[in-house]
Amino acid sequence: MHRITGAAALWLLTSQQGALAHPHSFISLQSEVMVADEHFYALKMRWTMDEITSADLLYDTGDAPAGSEVWKKLAAEVMANVLGQHYFTEVWHNGKKVTFRDRPTSYSLARENHQAVLSFVLPLATPQPLAGQTYTFSTFDPSYYVDMHYDDDKDARLPADLASRCTLKVTTPTPGDEVLDFANSLDKADAPPEDMNLGKQFAQQVTLQCQ
């Protein structure tokens, strides 16, 4: 039987899986707020994919050493799909969405304990001031096909030198029964309406608040 190749498995990080809505893949998130000159300028992201998805995604890499052309090509393909979905991330400040630069400043794909790990730096288009400000950010697949979550609240991090004047809090939503029933009713052949933005209703929100 022909196995799905790593390149073909890139459905994981595209919106084209909308016809398959119920969560069937899982990504554990880690993020760190990056700061320079008293401004929030980027998020350092680390996404660890579940083992089944990882096996398909990394199939073509075989025994290729880290840093080889095989890994670089696959990392570029995955990152291109992430960029096509605006990093699957939203940052908000004072009721307005903060825009991002259209390219990460760095990115890489690796295998760790049979799991694919995508790491990248998501730069804001314009560095944002910290003093007295509050920001929120969340990472999610709008279609709800891929479950993107923090396993532990501590997986959203601040630089050590900000701990005395800023806080970071992860809030996990509690969707109503109607939304839960709808999500649970979805089969692999179903897709939620695009304007429902189902994934966002389950997305954890991280709040950055500074004095």
C-alpha atoms as a PDB file:
ATOM      1  CA  MET A   1       0.000   0.000   0.000  1.00  0.00           C
ATOM      2  CA  HIS A   2       1.318   3.449  -0.922  1.00  0.00           C
ATOM      3  CA  ARG A   3       2.104   5.536   2.120  1.00  0.00           C
ATOM      4  CA  ILE A   4       1.431   9.256   2.351  1.00  0.00           C
ATOM      5  CA  THR A   5       4.699  11.082   1.790  1.00  0.00           C
ATOM      6  CA  GLY A   6       5.978  13.872   3.950  1.00  0.00           C
ATOM      7  CA  ALA A   7       5.168  16.517   1.350  1.00  0.00           C
ATOM      8  CA  ALA A   8       1.653  15.173   0.823  1.00  0.00           C
ATOM      9  CA  ALA A   9       1.050  15.262   4.569  1.00  0.00           C
ATOM     10  CA  LEU A  10       1.250  19.055   4.505  1.00  0.00           C
ATOM     11  CA  TRP A  11      -2.552  19.064   4.627  1.00  0.00           C
ATOM     12  CA  LEU A  12      -1.896  19.298   8.348  1.00  0.00           C
ATOM     13  CA  LEU A  13      -1.048  22.985   8.130  1.00  0.00           C
ATOM     14  CA  THR A  14      -3.341  24.240   5.402  1.00  0.00           C
ATOM     15  CA  SER A  15      -6.923  25.416   5.368  1.00  0.00           C
ATOM     16  CA  GLN A  16      -7.715  23.016   2.563  1.00  0.00           C
ATOM     17  CA  GLN A  17      -8.618  20.333   5.070  1.00  0.00           C
ATOM     18  CA  GLY A  18     -11.864  22.229   5.700  1.00  0.00           C
ATOM     19  CA  ALA A  19     -13.846  19.213   4.488  1.00  0.00           C
ATOM     20  CA  LEU A  20     -12.455  17.339   7.480  1.00  0.00           C
ATOM     21  CA  ALA A  21     -13.478  19.405  10.423  1.00  0.00           C
ATOM     22  CA  HIS A  22     -13.494  17.365  13.628  1.00  0.00           C
ATOM     23  CA  PRO A  23     -10.044  17.498  15.339  1.00  0.00           C
ATOM     24  CA  HIS A  24      -7.958  14.643  13.971  1.00  0.00           C
ATOM     25  CA  SER A  25      -4.483  16.099  14.459  1.00  0.00           C
ATOM     26  CA  PHE A  26      -2.950  17.706  17.515  1.00  0.00           C
ATOM     27  CA  ILE A  27      -0.214  20.284  18.014  1.00  0.00           C
ATOM     28  CA  SER A  28       1.242  21.126  21.420  1.00  0.00           C
ATOM     29  CA  LEU A  29       2.202  24.779  21.566  1.00  0.00           C
ATOM     30  CA  GLN A  30       4.975  26.672  23.275  1.00  0.00           C
ATOM     31  CA  SER A  31       5.466  30.407  22.861  1.00  0.00           C
ATOM     32  CA  GLU A  32       7.725  33.085  24.261  1.00  0.00           C
ATOM     33  CA  VAL A  33       7.224  36.832  24.072  1.00  0.00           C
ATOM     34  CA  MET A  34      10.295  38.458  22.558  1.00  0.00           C
ATOM     35  CA  VAL A  35      11.230  41.936  23.741  1.00  0.00           C
ATOM     36  CA  ALA A  36      13.808  44.558  22.826  1.00  0.00           C
ATOM     37  CA  ASP A  37      14.088  48.228  23.843  1.00  0.00           C
ATOM     38  CA  GLU A  38      10.926  47.961  25.957  1.00  0.00           C
ATOM     39  CA  HIS A  39       8.900  46.782  22.973  1.00  0.00           C
ATOM     40  CA  PHE A  40       7.171  43.494  22.168  1.00  0.00           C
ATOM     41  CA  TYR A  41       8.490  42.637  18.722  1.00  0.00           C
ATOM     42  CA  ALA A  42       7.901  38.917  18.094  1.00  0.00           C
ATOM     43  CA  LEU A  43       6.691  35.554  19.332  1.00  0.00           C
ATOM     44  CA  LYS A  44       9.082  32.632  19.437  1.00  0.00           C
ATOM     45  CA  MET A  45       6.979  29.583  18.585  1.00  0.00           C
ATOM     46  CA  ARG A  46       7.530  25.853  19.008  1.00  0.00           C
ATOM     47  CA  TRP A  47       4.880  23.458  17.675  1.00  0.00           C
ATOM     48  CA  THR A  48       5.140  19.746  18.484  1.00  0.00           C
ATOM     49  CA  MET A  49       2.923  17.534  16.318  1.00  0.00           C
ATOM     50  CA  ASP A  50       1.322  14.256  17.375  1.00  0.00           C
ATOM     51  CA  GLU A  51       3.144  11.039  16.471  1.00  0.00           C
ATOM     52  CA  ILE A  52       0.755   9.851  13.752  1.00  0.00           C
ATOM     53  CA  THR A  53       0.834  13.145  11.904  1.00  0.00           C
ATOM     54  CA  SER A  54       4.590  13.355  12.439  1.00  0.00           C
ATOM     55  CA  ALA A  55       5.149   9.916  10.904  1.00  0.00           C
ATOM     56  CA  ASP A  56       3.418  10.961   7.686  1.00  0.00           C
ATOM     57  CA  LEU A  57       4.947  14.412   7.559  1.00  0.00           C
ATOM     58  CA  LEU A  58       8.506  13.175   8.096  1.00  0.00           C
ATOM     59  CA  TYR A  59       8.334   9.994   6.017  1.00  0.00           C
ATOM     60  CA  ASP A  60      10.442  11.400   3.186  1.00  0.00           C
ATOM     61  CA  THR A  61      13.244  12.494   5.497  1.00  0.00           C
ATOM     62  CA  GLY A  62      14.353   8.899   6.163  1.00  0.00           C
ATOM     63  CA  ASP A  63      17.813   8.907   7.675  1.00  0.00           C
ATOM     64  CA  ALA A  64      18.729  12.297   6.252  1.00  0.00           C
ATOM     65  CA  PRO A  65      20.855  14.239   8.760  1.00  0.00           C
ATOM     66  CA  ALA A  66      19.520  17.382  10.365  1.00  0.00           C
ATOM     67  CA  GLY A  67      20.343  20.439   8.292  1.00  0.00           C
ATOM     68  CA  SER A  68      20.433  18.522   5.018  1.00  0.00           C
ATOM     69  CA  GLU A  69      18.633  19.710   1.898  1.00  0.00           C
ATOM     70  CA  VAL A  70      15.790  17.238   2.515  1.00  0.00           C
ATOM     71  CA  TRP A  71      15.036  18.831   5.875  1.00  0.00           C
ATOM     72  CA  LYS A  72      15.459  22.369   4.577  1.00  0.00           C
ATOM     73  CA  LYS A  73      13.035  21.742   1.700  1.00  0.00           C
ATOM     74  CA  LEU A  74      10.393  20.185   3.937  1.00  0.00           C
ATOM     75  CA  ALA A  75      10.743  22.974   6.506  1.00  0.00           C
ATOM     76  CA  ALA A  76      10.266  25.569   3.754  1.00  0.00           C
ATOM     77  CA  GLU A  77       7.143  23.799   2.471  1.00  0.00           C
ATOM     78  CA  VAL A  78       5.602  23.577   5.932  1.00  0.00           C
ATOM     79  CA  MET A  79       6.468  27.186   6.723  1.00  0.00           C
ATOM     80  CA  ALA A  80       4.956  28.372   3.440  1.00  0.00           C
ATOM     81  CA  ASN A  81       1.660  26.765   4.402  1.00  0.00           C
ATOM     82  CA  VAL A  82       1.802  28.321   7.870  1.00  0.00           C
ATOM     83  CA  LEU A  83       2.379  31.729   6.270  1.00  0.00           C
ATOM     84  CA  GLY A  84      -0.589  31.115   3.991  1.00  0.00           C
ATOM     85  CA  GLN A  85      -2.744  31.026   7.107  1.00  0.00           C
ATOM     86  CA  HIS A  86      -1.182  34.098   8.758  1.00  0.00           C
ATOM     87  CA  TYR A  87       0.787  31.887  11.151  1.00  0.00           C
ATOM     88  CA  PHE A  88      -2.532  30.476  12.491  1.00  0.00           C
ATOM     89  CA  THR A  89      -2.123  33.227  15.083  1.00  0.00           C
ATOM     90  CA  GLU A  90      -3.851  36.453  16.092  1.00  0.00           C
ATOM     91  CA  VAL A  91      -2.472  39.223  18.325  1.00  0.00           C
ATOM     92  CA  TRP A  92      -4.827  41.951  19.589  1.00  0.00           C
ATOM     93  CA  HIS A  93      -4.188  45.320  21.250  1.00  0.00           C
ATOM     94  CA  ASN A  94      -6.872  47.823  22.265  1.00  0.00           C
ATOM     95  CA  GLY A  95      -9.474  46.081  20.137  1.00  0.00           C
ATOM     96  CA  LYS A  96      -7.333  46.106  17.002  1.00  0.00           C
ATOM     97  CA  LYS A  97      -5.527  43.201  15.358  1.00  0.00           C
ATOM     98  CA  VAL A  98      -1.750  43.570  15.341  1.00  0.00           C
ATOM     99  CA  THR A  99      -0.252  42.792  11.929  1.00  0.00           C
ATOM    100  CA  PHE A 100       2.736  40.542  11.266  1.00  0.00           C
ATOM    101  CA  ARG A 101       5.648  40.673   8.882  1.00  0.00           C
ATOM    102  CA  ASP A 102       5.083  38.366   5.935  1.00  0.00           C
ATOM    103  CA  ARG A 103       8.163  36.232   6.609  1.00  0.00           C
ATOM    104  CA  PRO A 104       9.522  34.661   9.800  1.00  0.00           C
ATOM    105  CA  THR A 105      12.968  35.818  10.873  1.00  0.00           C
ATOM    106  CA  SER A 106      13.999  32.183  11.362  1.00  0.00           C
ATOM    107  CA  TYR A 107      12.427  28.730  11.164  1.00  0.00           C
ATOM    108  CA  SER A 108      13.363  25.055  11.331  1.00  0.00           C
ATOM    109  CA  LEU A 109      11.812  21.593  11.336  1.00  0.00           C
ATOM    110  CA  ALA A 110      13.212  18.740  13.420  1.00  0.00           C
ATOM    111  CA  ARG A 111      12.402  15.245  14.679  1.00  0.00           C
ATOM    112  CA  GLU A 112      12.343  14.769  18.447  1.00  0.00           C
ATOM    113  CA  ASN A 113      11.312  11.420  19.931  1.00  0.00           C
ATOM    114  CA  HIS A 114       9.359  10.418  16.810  1.00  0.00           C
ATOM    115  CA  GLN A 115       7.573  13.778  16.682  1.00  0.00           C
ATOM    116  CA  ALA A 116       7.916  16.635  14.223  1.00  0.00           C
ATOM    117  CA  VAL A 117       8.758  19.972  15.814  1.00  0.00           C
ATOM    118  CA  LEU A 118       8.373  23.235  13.916  1.00  0.00           C
ATOM    119  CA  SER A 119      10.170  26.207  15.458  1.00  0.00           C
ATOM    120  CA  PHE A 120      10.010  29.749  14.154  1.00  0.00           C
ATOM    121  CA  VAL A 121      10.053  33.407  15.129  1.00  0.00           C
ATOM    122  CA  LEU A 122       6.867  35.278  14.238  1.00  0.00           C
ATOM    123  CA  PRO A 123       7.741  38.989  13.916  1.00  0.00           C
ATOM    124  CA  LEU A 124       5.225  41.774  14.411  1.00  0.00           C
ATOM    125  CA  ALA A 125       5.094  44.269  11.570  1.00  0.00           C
ATOM    126  CA  THR A 126       5.775  47.062  14.078  1.00  0.00           C
ATOM    127  CA  PRO A 127       7.245  46.578  17.576  1.00  0.00           C
ATOM    128  CA  GLN A 128       4.642  47.378  20.229  1.00  0.00           C
ATOM    129  CA  PRO A 129       5.251  49.314  23.485  1.00  0.00           C
ATOM    130  CA  LEU A 130       4.985  47.334  26.718  1.00  0.00           C
ATOM    131  CA  ALA A 131       4.637  49.876  29.533  1.00  0.00           C
ATOM    132  CA  GLY A 132       1.036  50.029  30.752  1.00  0.00           C
ATOM    133  CA  GLN A 133      -0.229  47.933  27.858  1.00  0.00           C
ATOM    134  CA  THR A 134      -2.282  44.743  27.499  1.00  0.00           C
ATOM    135  CA  TYR A 135      -2.076  42.319  24.562  1.00  0.00           C
ATOM    136  CA  THR A 136      -3.828  39.062  23.823  1.00  0.00           C
ATOM    137  CA  PHE A 137      -2.764  36.354  21.404  1.00  0.00           C
ATOM    138  CA  SER A 138      -4.029  32.950  20.371  1.00  0.00           C
ATOM    139  CA  THR A 139      -3.050  30.211  17.927  1.00  0.00           C
ATOM    140  CA  PHE A 140      -5.722  28.031  16.331  1.00  0.00           C
ATOM    141  CA  ASP A 141      -6.951  26.308  13.186  1.00  0.00           C
ATOM    142  CA  PRO A 142     -10.185  28.097  12.195  1.00  0.00           C
ATOM    143  CA  SER A 143     -11.667  24.887  10.787  1.00  0.00           C
ATOM    144  CA  TYR A 144     -11.133  23.019  14.087  1.00  0.00           C
ATOM    145  CA  TYR A 145      -9.510  20.163  12.168  1.00  0.00           C
ATOM    146  CA  VAL A 146      -6.202  20.585  14.009  1.00  0.00           C
ATOM    147  CA  ASP A 147      -6.317  20.966  17.794  1.00  0.00           C
ATOM    148  CA  MET A 148      -3.650  23.534  18.738  1.00  0.00           C
ATOM    149  CA  HIS A 149      -3.183  23.919  22.483  1.00  0.00           C
ATOM    150  CA  TYR A 150      -0.851  24.561  25.411  1.00  0.00           C
ATOM    151  CA  ASP A 151      -0.370  21.381  27.447  1.00  0.00           C
ATOM    152  CA  ASP A 152       0.563  23.528  30.445  1.00  0.00           C
ATOM    153  CA  ASP A 153      -0.005  27.210  31.146  1.00  0.00           C
ATOM    154  CA  LYS A 154       3.754  27.533  31.687  1.00  0.00           C
ATOM    155  CA  ASP A 155       4.277  26.750  28.000  1.00  0.00           C
ATOM    156  CA  ALA A 156       3.472  30.415  27.320  1.00  0.00           C
ATOM    157  CA  ARG A 157       6.514  32.267  28.596  1.00  0.00           C
ATOM    158  CA  LEU A 158       7.970  35.673  29.341  1.00  0.00           C
ATOM    159  CA  PRO A 159      11.640  36.651  29.306  1.00  0.00           C
ATOM    160  CA  ALA A 160      12.989  36.467  32.858  1.00  0.00           C
ATOM    161  CA  ASP A 161      13.696  40.193  33.024  1.00  0.00           C
ATOM    162  CA  LEU A 162      10.012  40.992  32.435  1.00  0.00           C
ATOM    163  CA  ALA A 163       8.654  38.877  35.273  1.00  0.00           C
ATOM    164  CA  SER A 164       8.694  41.728  37.795  1.00  0.00           C
ATOM    165  CA  ARG A 165       6.506  44.053  35.710  1.00  0.00           C
ATOM    166  CA  CYS A 166       4.544  41.892  33.293  1.00  0.00           C
ATOM    167  CA  THR A 167       2.270  38.904  33.648  1.00  0.00           C
ATOM    168  CA  LEU A 168       1.239  36.230  31.172  1.00  0.00           C
ATOM    169  CA  LYS A 169      -2.003  34.319  31.658  1.00  0.00           C
ATOM    170  CA  VAL A 170      -3.456  31.460  29.599  1.00  0.00           C
ATOM    171  CA  THR A 171      -7.243  31.272  29.502  1.00  0.00           C
ATOM    172  CA  THR A 172      -8.951  28.127  28.237  1.00  0.00           C
ATOM    173  CA  PRO A 173     -12.463  28.793  26.858  1.00  0.00           C
ATOM    174  CA  THR A 174     -15.583  26.928  27.878  1.00  0.00           C
ATOM    175  CA  PRO A 175     -17.802  26.835  24.778  1.00  0.00           C
ATOM    176  CA  GLY A 176     -21.533  26.500  25.359  1.00  0.00           C
ATOM    177  CA  ASP A 177     -23.439  23.254  24.995  1.00  0.00           C
ATOM    178  CA  GLU A 178     -24.718  24.230  21.553  1.00  0.00           C
ATOM    179  CA  VAL A 179     -21.182  24.712  20.195  1.00  0.00           C
ATOM    180  CA  LEU A 180     -19.931  21.531  21.894  1.00  0.00           C
ATOM    181  CA  ASP A 181     -22.805  19.476  20.534  1.00  0.00           C
ATOM    182  CA  PHE A 182     -22.200  20.825  17.036  1.00  0.00           C
ATOM    183  CA  ALA A 183     -18.466  20.102  17.194  1.00  0.00           C
ATOM    184  CA  ASN A 184     -19.063  16.593  18.506  1.00  0.00           C
ATOM    185  CA  SER A 185     -21.568  15.902  15.747  1.00  0.00           C
ATOM    186  CA  LEU A 186     -19.050  16.543  12.984  1.00  0.00           C
ATOM    187  CA  ASP A 187     -17.766  13.545  11.095  1.00  0.00           C
ATOM    188  CA  LYS A 188     -14.719  13.352   8.834  1.00  0.00           C
ATOM    189  CA  ALA A 189     -16.904  14.251   5.867  1.00  0.00           C
ATOM    190  CA  ASP A 190     -18.401  17.338   7.538  1.00  0.00           C
ATOM    191  CA  ALA A 191     -17.180  20.911   7.549  1.00  0.00           C
ATOM    192  CA  PRO A 192     -18.368  23.777   9.767  1.00  0.00           C
ATOM    193  CA  PRO A 193     -19.498  26.979   8.040  1.00  0.00           C
ATOM    194  CA  GLU A 194     -16.503  29.255   7.440  1.00  0.00           C
ATOM    195  CA  ASP A 195     -18.171  32.217   9.123  1.00  0.00           C
ATOM    196  CA  MET A 196     -18.624  30.131  12.281  1.00  0.00           C
ATOM    197  CA  ASN A 197     -14.827  30.143  12.835  1.00  0.00           C
ATOM    198  CA  LEU A 198     -15.298  27.053  14.983  1.00  0.00           C
ATOM    199  CA  GLY A 199     -11.648  26.634  15.926  1.00  0.00           C
ATOM    200  CA  LYS A 200     -11.467  30.110  17.444  1.00  0.00           C
ATOM    201  CA  GLN A 201     -14.247  29.231  19.858  1.00  0.00           C
ATOM    202  CA  PHE A 202     -12.007  26.533  21.342  1.00  0.00           C
ATOM    203  CA  ALA A 203      -8.764  28.529  21.173  1.00  0.00           C
ATOM    204  CA  GLN A 204      -6.826  29.320  24.329  1.00  0.00           C
ATOM    205  CA  GLN A 205      -6.087  33.003  24.799  1.00  0.00           C
ATOM    206  CA  VAL A 206      -2.860  34.323  26.250  1.00  0.00           C
ATOM    207  CA  THR A 207      -2.987  37.733  27.932  1.00  0.00           C
ATOM    208  CA  LEU A 208       0.182  39.810  28.302  1.00  0.00           C
ATOM    209  CA  GLN A 209      -0.237  42.665  30.776  1.00  0.00           C
ATOM    210  CA  CYS A 210       2.535  45.069  31.750  1.00  0.00           C
ATOM    211  CA  GLN A 211       2.814  47.832  34.331  1.00  0.00           C
END
